[in-house]
Amino acid sequence: GGYMSFAATLATEEVGRVISSAAPGVFM
């Protein structure tokens, strides 16, 4: 509502699981 600097990036389950499936195994 314009009160604070804040944001969000949302992804599908597939995007999250693929990123987590290979080295380094975490989102950097």
PDB file of all heavy atoms in Angstrom:
ATOM      1  N   GLY A   1       0.813  -1.214   0.000  1.00  0.00           N
ATOM      2  CA  GLY A   1       0.000   0.000   0.000  1.00  0.00           C
ATOM      3  C   GLY A   1       0.841   1.256   0.000  1.00  0.00           C
ATOM      4  O   GLY A   1       0.363   2.329   0.377  1.00  0.00           O
ATOM      5  N   GLY A   2       2.098   1.121  -0.412  1.00  0.00           N
ATOM      6  CA  GLY A   2       2.986   2.278  -0.472  1.00  0.00           C
ATOM      7  C   GLY A   2       3.635   2.619   0.844  1.00  0.00           C
ATOM      8  O   GLY A   2       4.305   3.653   0.954  1.00  0.00           O
ATOM      9  N   TYR A   3       3.504   1.768   1.855  1.00  0.00           N
ATOM     10  CA  TYR A   3       4.043   2.091   3.170  1.00  0.00           C
ATOM     11  C   TYR A   3       5.532   1.803   3.301  1.00  0.00           C
ATOM     12  O   TYR A   3       6.242   2.501   4.015  1.00  0.00           O
ATOM     13  CB  TYR A   3       3.283   1.315   4.244  1.00  0.00           C
ATOM     14  CG  TYR A   3       2.135   2.106   4.846  1.00  0.00           C
ATOM     15  CD1 TYR A   3       1.117   2.605   4.039  1.00  0.00           C
ATOM     16  CD2 TYR A   3       2.075   2.362   6.211  1.00  0.00           C
ATOM     17  CE1 TYR A   3       0.064   3.324   4.580  1.00  0.00           C
ATOM     18  CE2 TYR A   3       1.032   3.080   6.767  1.00  0.00           C
ATOM     19  CZ  TYR A   3       0.026   3.576   5.939  1.00  0.00           C
ATOM     20  OH  TYR A   3      -1.005   4.292   6.475  1.00  0.00           O
ATOM     21  N   MET A   4       6.007   0.735   2.667  1.00  0.00           N
ATOM     22  CA  MET A   4       7.401   0.333   2.821  1.00  0.00           C
ATOM     23  C   MET A   4       7.908  -0.261   1.524  1.00  0.00           C
ATOM     24  O   MET A   4       7.129  -0.769   0.709  1.00  0.00           O
ATOM     25  CB  MET A   4       7.551  -0.710   3.937  1.00  0.00           C
ATOM     26  CG  MET A   4       7.124  -0.239   5.300  1.00  0.00           C
ATOM     27  SD  MET A   4       7.412  -1.489   6.575  1.00  0.00           S
ATOM     28  CE  MET A   4       9.198  -1.468   6.649  1.00  0.00           C
ATOM     29  N   SER A   5       9.224  -0.217   1.359  1.00  0.00           N
ATOM     30  CA  SER A   5       9.840  -0.888   0.223  1.00  0.00           C
ATOM     31  C   SER A   5       9.804  -2.394   0.461  1.00  0.00           C
ATOM     32  O   SER A   5      10.331  -2.887   1.454  1.00  0.00           O
ATOM     33  CB  SER A   5      11.288  -0.416   0.062  1.00  0.00           C
ATOM     34  OG  SER A   5      11.916  -1.103  -0.986  1.00  0.00           O
ATOM     35  N   PHE A   6       9.162  -3.107  -0.464  1.00  0.00           N
ATOM     36  CA  PHE A   6       9.002  -4.548  -0.305  1.00  0.00           C
ATOM     37  C   PHE A   6       8.546  -5.107  -1.641  1.00  0.00           C
ATOM     38  O   PHE A   6       7.914  -4.407  -2.436  1.00  0.00           O
ATOM     39  CB  PHE A   6       7.957  -4.855   0.778  1.00  0.00           C
ATOM     40  CG  PHE A   6       7.835  -6.313   1.123  1.00  0.00           C
ATOM     41  CD1 PHE A   6       8.852  -6.967   1.805  1.00  0.00           C
ATOM     42  CD2 PHE A   6       6.695  -7.035   0.790  1.00  0.00           C
ATOM     43  CE1 PHE A   6       8.733  -8.310   2.153  1.00  0.00           C
ATOM     44  CE2 PHE A   6       6.567  -8.369   1.127  1.00  0.00           C
ATOM     45  CZ  PHE A   6       7.592  -9.016   1.812  1.00  0.00           C
ATOM     46  N   ALA A   7       8.866  -6.347  -1.922  1.00  0.00           N
ATOM     47  CA  ALA A   7       8.486  -6.969  -3.188  1.00  0.00           C
ATOM     48  C   ALA A   7       8.497  -8.475  -3.022  1.00  0.00           C
ATOM     49  O   ALA A   7       8.899  -9.004  -1.976  1.00  0.00           O
ATOM     50  CB  ALA A   7       9.440  -6.539  -4.305  1.00  0.00           C
ATOM     51  N   ALA A   8       8.052  -9.153  -4.069  1.00  0.00           N
ATOM     52  CA  ALA A   8       8.057 -10.612  -4.050  1.00  0.00           C
ATOM     53  C   ALA A   8       8.236 -11.131  -5.466  1.00  0.00           C
ATOM     54  O   ALA A   8       7.709 -10.555  -6.415  1.00  0.00           O
ATOM     55  CB  ALA A   8       6.763 -11.152  -3.448  1.00  0.00           C
ATOM     56  N   THR A   9       8.995 -12.215  -5.584  1.00  0.00           N
ATOM     57  CA  THR A   9       9.132 -12.935  -6.847  1.00  0.00           C
ATOM     58  C   THR A   9       8.545 -14.317  -6.630  1.00  0.00           C
ATOM     59  O   THR A   9       8.988 -15.056  -5.750  1.00  0.00           O
ATOM     60  CB  THR A   9      10.608 -13.049  -7.269  1.00  0.00           C
ATOM     61  OG1 THR A   9      11.155 -11.734  -7.392  1.00  0.00           O
ATOM     62  CG2 THR A   9      10.735 -13.765  -8.600  1.00  0.00           C
ATOM     63  N   LEU A  10       7.525 -14.648  -7.418  1.00  0.00           N
ATOM     64  CA  LEU A  10       6.855 -15.932  -7.280  1.00  0.00           C
ATOM     65  C   LEU A  10       7.187 -16.825  -8.466  1.00  0.00           C
ATOM     66  O   LEU A  10       7.314 -16.341  -9.595  1.00  0.00           O
ATOM     67  CB  LEU A  10       5.339 -15.752  -7.197  1.00  0.00           C
ATOM     68  CG  LEU A  10       4.837 -15.077  -5.903  1.00  0.00           C
ATOM     69  CD1 LEU A  10       4.758 -13.577  -6.073  1.00  0.00           C
ATOM     70  CD2 LEU A  10       3.481 -15.630  -5.504  1.00  0.00           C
ATOM     71  N   ALA A  11       7.334 -18.111  -8.205  1.00  0.00           N
ATOM     72  CA  ALA A  11       7.690 -19.063  -9.254  1.00  0.00           C
ATOM     73  C   ALA A  11       6.815 -20.314  -9.143  1.00  0.00           C
ATOM     74  O   ALA A  11       6.213 -20.583  -8.099  1.00  0.00           O
ATOM     75  CB  ALA A  11       9.165 -19.449  -9.141  1.00  0.00           C
ATOM     76  N   THR A  12       6.785 -21.063 -10.225  1.00  0.00           N
ATOM     77  CA  THR A  12       6.056 -22.327 -10.215  1.00  0.00           C
ATOM     78  C   THR A  12       6.835 -23.371  -9.406  1.00  0.00           C
ATOM     79  O   THR A  12       8.031 -23.229  -9.155  1.00  0.00           O
ATOM     80  CB  THR A  12       5.863 -22.861 -11.635  1.00  0.00           C
ATOM     81  OG1 THR A  12       7.147 -23.138 -12.210  1.00  0.00           O
ATOM     82  CG2 THR A  12       5.116 -21.864 -12.503  1.00  0.00           C
ATOM     83  N   GLU A  13       6.129 -24.418  -9.044  1.00  0.00           N
ATOM     84  CA  GLU A  13       6.773 -25.523  -8.332  1.00  0.00           C
ATOM     85  C   GLU A  13       7.899 -26.112  -9.175  1.00  0.00           C
ATOM     86  O   GLU A  13       8.962 -26.466  -8.655  1.00  0.00           O
ATOM     87  CB  GLU A  13       5.728 -26.596  -8.010  1.00  0.00           C
ATOM     88  CG  GLU A  13       6.254 -27.760  -7.194  1.00  0.00           C
ATOM     89  CD  GLU A  13       6.437 -27.419  -5.721  1.00  0.00           C
ATOM     90  OE1 GLU A  13       5.996 -26.328  -5.283  1.00  0.00           O
ATOM     91  OE2 GLU A  13       7.030 -28.250  -4.996  1.00  0.00           O
ATOM     92  N   GLU A  14       7.679 -26.219 -10.475  1.00  0.00           N
ATOM     93  CA  GLU A  14       8.703 -26.792 -11.346  1.00  0.00           C
ATOM     94  C   GLU A  14       9.982 -25.964 -11.321  1.00  0.00           C
ATOM     95  O   GLU A  14      11.090 -26.512 -11.214  1.00  0.00           O
ATOM     96  CB  GLU A  14       8.205 -26.885 -12.795  1.00  0.00           C
ATOM     97  CG  GLU A  14       9.243 -27.495 -13.716  1.00  0.00           C
ATOM     98  CD  GLU A  14       8.946 -27.279 -15.193  1.00  0.00           C
ATOM     99  OE1 GLU A  14       7.964 -26.601 -15.527  1.00  0.00           O
ATOM    100  OE2 GLU A  14       9.744 -27.789 -16.009  1.00  0.00           O
ATOM    101  N   VAL A  15       9.848 -24.640 -11.434  1.00  0.00           N
ATOM    102  CA  VAL A  15      11.037 -23.788 -11.406  1.00  0.00           C
ATOM    103  C   VAL A  15      11.804 -24.007 -10.104  1.00  0.00           C
ATOM    104  O   VAL A  15      13.033 -24.168 -10.102  1.00  0.00           O
ATOM    105  CB  VAL A  15      10.645 -22.306 -11.581  1.00  0.00           C
ATOM    106  CG1 VAL A  15      11.835 -21.398 -11.273  1.00  0.00           C
ATOM    107  CG2 VAL A  15      10.145 -22.049 -13.000  1.00  0.00           C
ATOM    108  N   GLY A  16      11.087 -24.015  -8.994  1.00  0.00           N
ATOM    109  CA  GLY A  16      11.752 -24.194  -7.709  1.00  0.00           C
ATOM    110  C   GLY A  16      12.440 -25.536  -7.570  1.00  0.00           C
ATOM    111  O   GLY A  16      13.569 -25.622  -7.074  1.00  0.00           O
ATOM    112  N   ARG A  17      11.783 -26.590  -8.015  1.00  0.00           N
ATOM    113  CA  ARG A  17      12.353 -27.932  -7.851  1.00  0.00           C
ATOM    114  C   ARG A  17      13.526 -28.171  -8.797  1.00  0.00           C
ATOM    115  O   ARG A  17      14.503 -28.822  -8.421  1.00  0.00           O
ATOM    116  CB  ARG A  17      11.264 -28.987  -8.042  1.00  0.00           C
ATOM    117  CG  ARG A  17      10.260 -28.979  -6.907  1.00  0.00           C
ATOM    118  CD  ARG A  17       9.488 -30.278  -6.795  1.00  0.00           C
ATOM    119  NE  ARG A  17       8.611 -30.242  -5.615  1.00  0.00           N
ATOM    120  CZ  ARG A  17       8.994 -30.547  -4.383  1.00  0.00           C
ATOM    121  NH1 ARG A  17      10.256 -30.920  -4.165  1.00  0.00           N
ATOM    122  NH2 ARG A  17       8.150 -30.489  -3.370  1.00  0.00           N
ATOM    123  N   VAL A  18      13.436 -27.660 -10.009  1.00  0.00           N
ATOM    124  CA  VAL A  18      14.566 -27.818 -10.928  1.00  0.00           C
ATOM    125  C   VAL A  18      15.794 -27.101 -10.391  1.00  0.00           C
ATOM    126  O   VAL A  18      16.910 -27.654 -10.379  1.00  0.00           O
ATOM    127  CB  VAL A  18      14.197 -27.302 -12.339  1.00  0.00           C
ATOM    128  CG1 VAL A  18      15.446 -27.176 -13.207  1.00  0.00           C
ATOM    129  CG2 VAL A  18      13.196 -28.230 -13.005  1.00  0.00           C
ATOM    130  N   ILE A  19      15.630 -25.869  -9.927  1.00  0.00           N
ATOM    131  CA  ILE A  19      16.756 -25.115  -9.364  1.00  0.00           C
ATOM    132  C   ILE A  19      17.374 -25.870  -8.194  1.00  0.00           C
ATOM    133  O   ILE A  19      18.608 -25.912  -8.030  1.00  0.00           O
ATOM    134  CB  ILE A  19      16.294 -23.706  -8.933  1.00  0.00           C
ATOM    135  CG1 ILE A  19      16.039 -22.835 -10.171  1.00  0.00           C
ATOM    136  CG2 ILE A  19      17.327 -23.049  -8.009  1.00  0.00           C
ATOM    137  CD1 ILE A  19      15.449 -21.475  -9.864  1.00  0.00           C
ATOM    138  N   SER A  20      16.540 -26.509  -7.396  1.00  0.00           N
ATOM    139  CA  SER A  20      17.019 -27.197  -6.195  1.00  0.00           C
ATOM    140  C   SER A  20      17.580 -28.584  -6.472  1.00  0.00           C
ATOM    141  O   SER A  20      18.153 -29.212  -5.573  1.00  0.00           O
ATOM    142  CB  SER A  20      15.870 -27.314  -5.181  1.00  0.00           C
ATOM    143  OG  SER A  20      15.363 -26.035  -4.846  1.00  0.00           O
ATOM    144  N   SER A  21      17.432 -29.055  -7.707  1.00  0.00           N
ATOM    145  CA  SER A  21      17.810 -30.440  -8.017  1.00  0.00           C
ATOM    146  C   SER A  21      19.258 -30.607  -8.452  1.00  0.00           C
ATOM    147  O   SER A  21      19.747 -31.728  -8.554  1.00  0.00           O
ATOM    148  CB  SER A  21      16.893 -30.977  -9.118  1.00  0.00           C
ATOM    149  OG  SER A  21      17.158 -30.309 -10.355  1.00  0.00           O
ATOM    150  N   ALA A  22      19.932 -29.506  -8.754  1.00  0.00           N
ATOM    151  CA  ALA A  22      21.307 -29.600  -9.270  1.00  0.00           C
ATOM    152  C   ALA A  22      22.211 -28.648  -8.498  1.00  0.00           C
ATOM    153  O   ALA A  22      21.742 -27.701  -7.863  1.00  0.00           O
ATOM    154  CB  ALA A  22      21.332 -29.272 -10.767  1.00  0.00           C
ATOM    155  N   ALA A  23      23.506 -28.885  -8.587  1.00  0.00           N
ATOM    156  CA  ALA A  23      24.471 -28.040  -7.876  1.00  0.00           C
ATOM    157  C   ALA A  23      24.275 -26.579  -8.270  1.00  0.00           C
ATOM    158  O   ALA A  23      24.016 -26.277  -9.429  1.00  0.00           O
ATOM    159  CB  ALA A  23      25.891 -28.493  -8.227  1.00  0.00           C
ATOM    160  N   PRO A  24      24.344 -25.671  -7.312  1.00  0.00           N
ATOM    161  CA  PRO A  24      24.715 -25.870  -5.901  1.00  0.00           C
ATOM    162  C   PRO A  24      23.578 -26.365  -5.018  1.00  0.00           C
ATOM    163  O   PRO A  24      23.750 -26.466  -3.804  1.00  0.00           O
ATOM    164  CB  PRO A  24      25.150 -24.463  -5.482  1.00  0.00           C
ATOM    165  CG  PRO A  24      24.314 -23.550  -6.310  1.00  0.00           C
ATOM    166  CD  PRO A  24      24.159 -24.222  -7.639  1.00  0.00           C
ATOM    167  N   GLY A  25      22.399 -26.637  -5.585  1.00  0.00           N
ATOM    168  CA  GLY A  25      21.308 -27.204  -4.809  1.00  0.00           C
ATOM    169  C   GLY A  25      20.463 -26.207  -4.059  1.00  0.00           C
ATOM    170  O   GLY A  25      19.485 -26.576  -3.397  1.00  0.00           O
ATOM    171  N   VAL A  26      20.850 -24.947  -4.135  1.00  0.00           N
ATOM    172  CA  VAL A  26      20.086 -23.876  -3.478  1.00  0.00           C
ATOM    173  C   VAL A  26      19.998 -22.715  -4.445  1.00  0.00           C
ATOM    174  O   VAL A  26      20.805 -22.584  -5.367  1.00  0.00           O
ATOM    175  CB  VAL A  26      20.765 -23.408  -2.171  1.00  0.00           C
ATOM    176  CG1 VAL A  26      20.814 -24.543  -1.158  1.00  0.00           C
ATOM    177  CG2 VAL A  26      22.173 -22.870  -2.438  1.00  0.00           C
ATOM    178  N   PHE A  27      19.004 -21.846  -4.235  1.00  0.00           N
ATOM    179  CA  PHE A  27      18.914 -20.630  -5.038  1.00  0.00           C
ATOM    180  C   PHE A  27      19.843 -19.588  -4.437  1.00  0.00           C
ATOM    181  O   PHE A  27      19.771 -19.278  -3.249  1.00  0.00           O
ATOM    182  CB  PHE A  27      17.479 -20.109  -5.084  1.00  0.00           C
ATOM    183  CG  PHE A  27      17.347 -18.818  -5.852  1.00  0.00           C
ATOM    184  CD1 PHE A  27      17.828 -18.716  -7.150  1.00  0.00           C
ATOM    185  CD2 PHE A  27      16.757 -17.702  -5.271  1.00  0.00           C
ATOM    186  CE1 PHE A  27      17.726 -17.535  -7.859  1.00  0.00           C
ATOM    187  CE2 PHE A  27      16.643 -16.521  -5.966  1.00  0.00           C
ATOM    188  CZ  PHE A  27      17.130 -16.433  -7.263  1.00  0.00           C
ATOM    189  N   MET A  28      20.717 -19.040  -5.272  1.00  0.00           N
ATOM    190  CA  MET A  28      21.808 -18.205  -4.780  1.00  0.00           C
ATOM    191  C   MET A  28      21.421 -16.733  -4.663  1.00  0.00           C
ATOM    192  O   MET A  28      21.827 -15.878  -5.441  1.00  0.00           O
ATOM    193  CB  MET A  28      23.019 -18.364  -5.705  1.00  0.00           C
ATOM    194  CG  MET A  28      23.550 -19.796  -5.767  1.00  0.00           C
ATOM    195  SD  MET A  28      24.093 -20.395  -4.139  1.00  0.00           S
ATOM    196  CE  MET A  28      25.525 -19.357  -3.871  1.00  0.00           C
TER     197      MET A  28
END
